[in-house]
């Protein structure tokens, strides 16, 4: 990731959106690059939160594993995405495992460096409140989906969320910004892969989704939004 790309990625983060160019340059200078092999662990649940991660290449899965060994995916972090800030800010334990889904490069910011930086900039402290509120709302939505919605609605909500911000193509379908496997979809909606596969096959037959040669999905955004019960969103 070039210096310009790092600055652009930092500017897109809610924590740092209000910072000026000089502050962003200084913040970028505090970050250190680390590389992780596919299936490598960036951090584990229960560890001390001593840094945050900004993904520059690859893909990271944040997940929980139950005592019975069942894994539930909380979210996936693509290039330009950040995670680890909650445990970093309160000094508590990591709340999830972070696993590289493919060879991954991340920029790492140590807790001491961030806290010293925040002490000089009240705007960042205010942004923390916004970030925590956003995360709480997202967690509530995810718990609602798992606990209250049928699998078809949960899967539709997952695909709509992944496609948000993408522009429709010439055929009116919206293309997901990255490929996602059926196994990863199953983890995101707390279901088995065969059950997810059956729904995807039916949606393909109905013309609600299509898969391109590069394995990325195109979806009928409006139709899946209806199925996801997101009409009022």
Protein backbone atom coordinates (compact mmCIF):
# COMPACT_ATOMS: atom_id res chain seq x y z
CA UNK A 1 0.00 0.00 0.00
CA UNK A 2 1.49 3.34 -1.05
CA UNK A 3 1.67 6.34 1.26
CA UNK A 4 -1.17 7.99 -0.68
CA UNK A 5 -3.35 4.89 -0.37
CA UNK A 6 -2.66 4.66 3.36
CA UNK A 7 -3.79 8.25 3.83
CA UNK A 8 -6.94 7.62 1.78
CA UNK A 9 -7.73 4.51 3.83
CA UNK A 10 -7.25 6.37 7.11
CA UNK A 11 -9.44 9.22 5.89
CA UNK A 12 -12.28 6.74 5.23
CA UNK A 13 -12.23 5.45 8.82
CA UNK A 14 -14.81 6.98 11.15
CA UNK A 15 -12.16 7.35 13.83
CA UNK A 16 -9.99 9.61 11.70
CA UNK A 17 -12.40 11.23 9.22
CA UNK A 18 -12.22 14.64 10.92
CA UNK A 19 -8.41 14.86 10.90
CA UNK A 20 -6.49 17.20 8.64
CA UNK A 21 -3.80 16.14 6.21
CA UNK A 22 -0.85 16.79 8.53
CA UNK A 23 -2.42 14.73 11.31
CA UNK A 24 -3.14 11.87 8.92
CA UNK A 25 0.47 11.90 7.73
CA UNK A 26 1.69 11.74 11.32
CA UNK A 27 -0.73 8.92 12.14
CA UNK A 28 0.35 6.94 9.08
CA UNK A 29 3.96 7.29 10.23
CA UNK A 30 3.09 5.52 13.49
CA UNK A 31 1.82 2.40 11.72
CA UNK A 32 3.95 -0.66 11.03
CA UNK A 33 3.40 -3.21 8.27
CA UNK A 34 2.91 -6.90 9.09
CA UNK A 35 2.32 -9.86 6.75
CA UNK A 36 0.29 -12.98 7.50
CA UNK A 37 0.05 -16.26 5.60
CA UNK A 38 -3.33 -17.68 4.58
CA UNK A 39 -5.08 -19.10 7.68
CA UNK A 40 -2.63 -17.22 9.89
CA UNK A 41 -3.95 -15.62 13.09
CA UNK A 42 -3.72 -11.84 13.41
CA UNK A 43 -5.07 -12.02 16.95
CA UNK A 44 -7.07 -14.38 19.16
CA UNK A 45 -10.10 -13.91 21.34
CA UNK A 46 -9.06 -13.26 24.93
CA UNK A 47 -5.69 -11.69 24.09
CA UNK A 48 -4.88 -8.19 25.27
CA UNK A 49 -5.95 -5.54 22.76
CA UNK A 50 -2.61 -3.84 22.25
CA UNK A 51 -3.01 -2.70 18.62
CA UNK A 52 -5.48 -2.07 15.83
CA UNK A 53 -5.21 -3.35 12.26
CA UNK A 54 -5.81 -1.63 8.91
CA UNK A 55 -5.98 -4.27 6.17
CA UNK A 56 -4.06 -3.24 3.05
CA UNK A 57 -4.09 -6.55 1.13
CA UNK A 58 -5.95 -9.83 1.51
CA UNK A 59 -9.04 -10.63 3.57
CA UNK A 60 -9.57 -11.15 7.32
CA UNK A 61 -12.40 -13.06 8.99
CA UNK A 62 -13.52 -12.10 12.49
CA UNK A 63 -15.17 -15.07 14.16
CA UNK A 64 -16.20 -16.76 17.40
CA UNK A 65 -15.87 -20.47 18.24
CA UNK A 66 -18.21 -22.10 20.73
CA UNK A 67 -17.21 -24.72 23.28
CA UNK A 68 -18.68 -27.31 20.88
CA UNK A 69 -16.34 -26.12 18.12
CA UNK A 70 -18.93 -24.29 16.02
CA UNK A 71 -17.56 -21.18 14.30
CA UNK A 72 -19.69 -18.10 13.64
CA UNK A 73 -18.37 -15.35 11.38
CA UNK A 74 -18.99 -11.85 12.74
CA UNK A 75 -17.75 -10.01 9.67
CA UNK A 76 -15.08 -9.98 7.00
CA UNK A 77 -12.57 -7.17 6.65
CA UNK A 78 -11.43 -6.35 3.11
CA UNK A 79 -8.57 -4.02 2.07
CA UNK A 80 -9.18 -0.55 3.46
CA UNK A 81 -11.09 -1.91 6.46
CA UNK A 82 -10.03 -1.58 10.09
CA UNK A 83 -10.62 -3.73 13.17
CA UNK A 84 -9.36 -4.15 16.71
CA UNK A 85 -10.12 -0.64 17.88
CA UNK A 86 -12.58 -1.54 20.67
CA UNK A 87 -10.22 -3.71 22.74
CA UNK A 88 -7.44 -1.29 21.90
CA UNK A 89 -9.33 1.68 23.33
CA UNK A 90 -10.49 0.12 26.60
CA UNK A 91 -7.41 -2.04 27.17
CA UNK A 92 -9.60 -5.13 27.44
CA UNK A 93 -9.42 -8.51 25.79
CA UNK A 94 -10.01 -9.23 22.12
CA UNK A 95 -13.63 -10.18 21.54
CA UNK A 96 -13.05 -12.37 18.46
CA UNK A 97 -10.48 -14.35 16.52
CA UNK A 98 -9.03 -12.64 13.44
CA UNK A 99 -7.88 -15.06 10.71
CA UNK A 100 -6.28 -14.26 7.34
CA UNK A 101 -8.44 -15.89 4.65
CA UNK A 102 -5.65 -15.47 2.10
CA UNK A 103 -2.12 -13.98 2.25
CA UNK A 104 -2.74 -10.69 4.03
CA UNK A 105 -0.85 -7.49 4.76
CA UNK A 106 -1.99 -5.15 7.54
CA UNK A 107 -0.80 -1.87 8.97
CA UNK A 108 -0.64 -2.07 12.76
CA UNK A 109 -1.03 0.83 15.19
CA UNK A 110 0.09 0.25 18.79
CA UNK A 111 -2.21 1.20 21.68
CA UNK A 112 0.26 3.57 23.32
CA UNK A 113 0.80 5.47 20.07
CA UNK A 114 -2.95 5.83 19.44
CA UNK A 115 -3.77 6.96 23.00
CA UNK A 116 -1.02 9.59 22.91
CA UNK A 117 -2.32 10.76 19.54
CA UNK A 118 -5.93 10.93 20.83
CA UNK A 119 -4.90 12.94 23.90
CA UNK A 120 -3.83 15.77 21.60
CA UNK A 121 -6.92 15.61 19.35
CA UNK A 122 -10.41 15.73 20.96
CA UNK A 123 -11.99 15.14 17.54
CA UNK A 124 -10.71 11.58 17.58
CA UNK A 125 -12.18 10.98 21.04
CA UNK A 126 -15.59 12.15 19.80
CA UNK A 127 -15.27 9.87 16.80
CA UNK A 128 -14.74 6.94 19.15
CA UNK A 129 -18.25 7.46 20.53
CA UNK A 130 -19.68 7.39 17.00
CA UNK A 131 -17.77 4.22 16.14
CA UNK A 132 -18.93 2.40 19.26
CA UNK A 133 -22.55 3.39 18.63
CA UNK A 134 -22.30 2.20 15.04
CA UNK A 135 -20.83 -1.12 16.14
CA UNK A 136 -23.57 -1.55 18.75
CA UNK A 137 -26.27 -0.97 16.14
CA UNK A 138 -24.60 -3.42 13.74
CA UNK A 139 -24.33 -6.05 16.46
CA UNK A 140 -27.99 -5.59 17.37
CA UNK A 141 -28.99 -5.99 13.71
CA UNK A 142 -26.90 -9.14 13.40
CA UNK A 143 -28.34 -10.68 16.57
CA UNK A 144 -31.85 -9.83 15.36
CA UNK A 145 -31.14 -11.56 12.07
CA UNK A 146 -29.78 -14.73 13.69
CA UNK A 147 -32.44 -14.95 16.39
CA UNK A 148 -35.60 -13.74 14.66
CA UNK A 149 -35.34 -14.00 10.88
CA UNK A 150 -35.65 -17.13 8.73
CA UNK A 151 -32.53 -18.27 6.88
CA UNK A 152 -33.67 -16.89 3.52
CA UNK A 153 -34.05 -13.41 5.02
CA UNK A 154 -30.70 -13.67 6.82
CA UNK A 155 -28.91 -14.68 3.63
CA UNK A 156 -30.60 -11.91 1.63
CA UNK A 157 -29.59 -9.38 4.29
CA UNK A 158 -26.00 -10.66 4.16
CA UNK A 159 -25.75 -10.22 0.38
CA UNK A 160 -27.44 -6.81 0.41
CA UNK A 161 -25.04 -5.60 3.11
CA UNK A 162 -22.03 -6.85 1.13
CA UNK A 163 -23.33 -5.07 -2.01
CA UNK A 164 -24.10 -1.72 -0.35
CA UNK A 165 -22.41 1.19 -2.09
CA UNK A 166 -21.87 -0.69 -5.35
CA UNK A 167 -23.46 0.77 -8.51
CA UNK A 168 -25.87 -1.36 -10.58
CA UNK A 169 -24.47 -2.74 -13.84
CA UNK A 170 -26.05 -2.38 -17.28
CA UNK A 171 -28.40 -5.31 -16.65
CA UNK A 172 -29.71 -3.71 -13.45
CA UNK A 173 -27.95 -6.20 -11.19
CA UNK A 174 -25.55 -5.07 -8.45
CA UNK A 175 -22.13 -6.73 -8.42
CA UNK A 176 -20.54 -7.55 -5.07
CA UNK A 177 -17.17 -5.82 -4.64
CA UNK A 178 -15.42 -9.13 -3.89
CA UNK A 179 -15.97 -12.87 -4.22
CA UNK A 180 -17.38 -14.73 -1.23
CA UNK A 181 -17.59 -18.48 -0.84
CA UNK A 182 -20.69 -20.37 0.21
CA UNK A 183 -18.85 -21.49 3.32
CA UNK A 184 -18.16 -17.89 4.32
CA UNK A 185 -21.78 -16.95 3.65
CA UNK A 186 -22.90 -19.82 5.86
CA UNK A 187 -20.65 -18.54 8.65
CA UNK A 188 -22.05 -15.03 8.36
CA UNK A 189 -25.67 -16.20 8.67
CA UNK A 190 -25.12 -18.99 11.23
CA UNK A 191 -26.21 -21.79 8.90
CA UNK A 192 -24.77 -24.85 7.17
CA UNK A 193 -23.26 -24.68 3.70
CA UNK A 194 -25.79 -27.15 2.17
CA UNK A 195 -28.72 -25.04 3.35
CA UNK A 196 -27.13 -21.89 1.92
CA UNK A 197 -26.42 -23.71 -1.34
CA UNK A 198 -30.07 -24.73 -1.77
CA UNK A 199 -31.24 -21.14 -1.40
CA UNK A 200 -28.59 -19.81 -3.80
CA UNK A 201 -29.53 -22.40 -6.43
CA UNK A 202 -33.20 -21.41 -6.14
CA UNK A 203 -32.35 -17.70 -6.39
CA UNK A 204 -30.19 -18.37 -9.44
CA UNK A 205 -33.11 -20.17 -11.11
CA UNK A 206 -35.37 -17.21 -10.27
CA UNK A 207 -32.89 -14.70 -11.68
CA UNK A 208 -32.27 -13.01 -8.32
CA UNK A 209 -28.54 -13.72 -8.40
CA UNK A 210 -25.88 -14.65 -10.98
CA UNK A 211 -22.22 -15.59 -10.66
CA UNK A 212 -19.59 -14.07 -12.96
CA UNK A 213 -16.51 -15.82 -14.34
CA UNK A 214 -14.35 -14.31 -11.55
CA UNK A 215 -16.67 -15.94 -8.97
CA UNK A 216 -18.23 -12.65 -7.89
CA UNK A 217 -21.98 -12.48 -7.45
CA UNK A 218 -24.43 -10.10 -9.07
CA UNK A 219 -27.69 -9.64 -7.18
CA UNK A 220 -31.10 -8.10 -7.71
CA UNK A 221 -30.60 -5.55 -4.95
CA UNK A 222 -34.23 -4.44 -4.67
CA UNK A 223 -35.66 -7.96 -4.65
CA UNK A 224 -33.21 -9.22 -2.04
CA UNK A 225 -33.81 -6.11 0.08
CA UNK A 226 -37.47 -7.08 0.17
CA UNK A 227 -36.59 -10.65 1.13
CA UNK A 228 -34.23 -9.30 3.80
CA UNK A 229 -37.05 -7.25 5.33
CA UNK A 230 -35.08 -4.05 4.83
CA UNK A 231 -37.83 -2.01 3.19
CA UNK A 232 -37.68 0.68 5.87
CA UNK A 233 -33.94 0.98 5.86
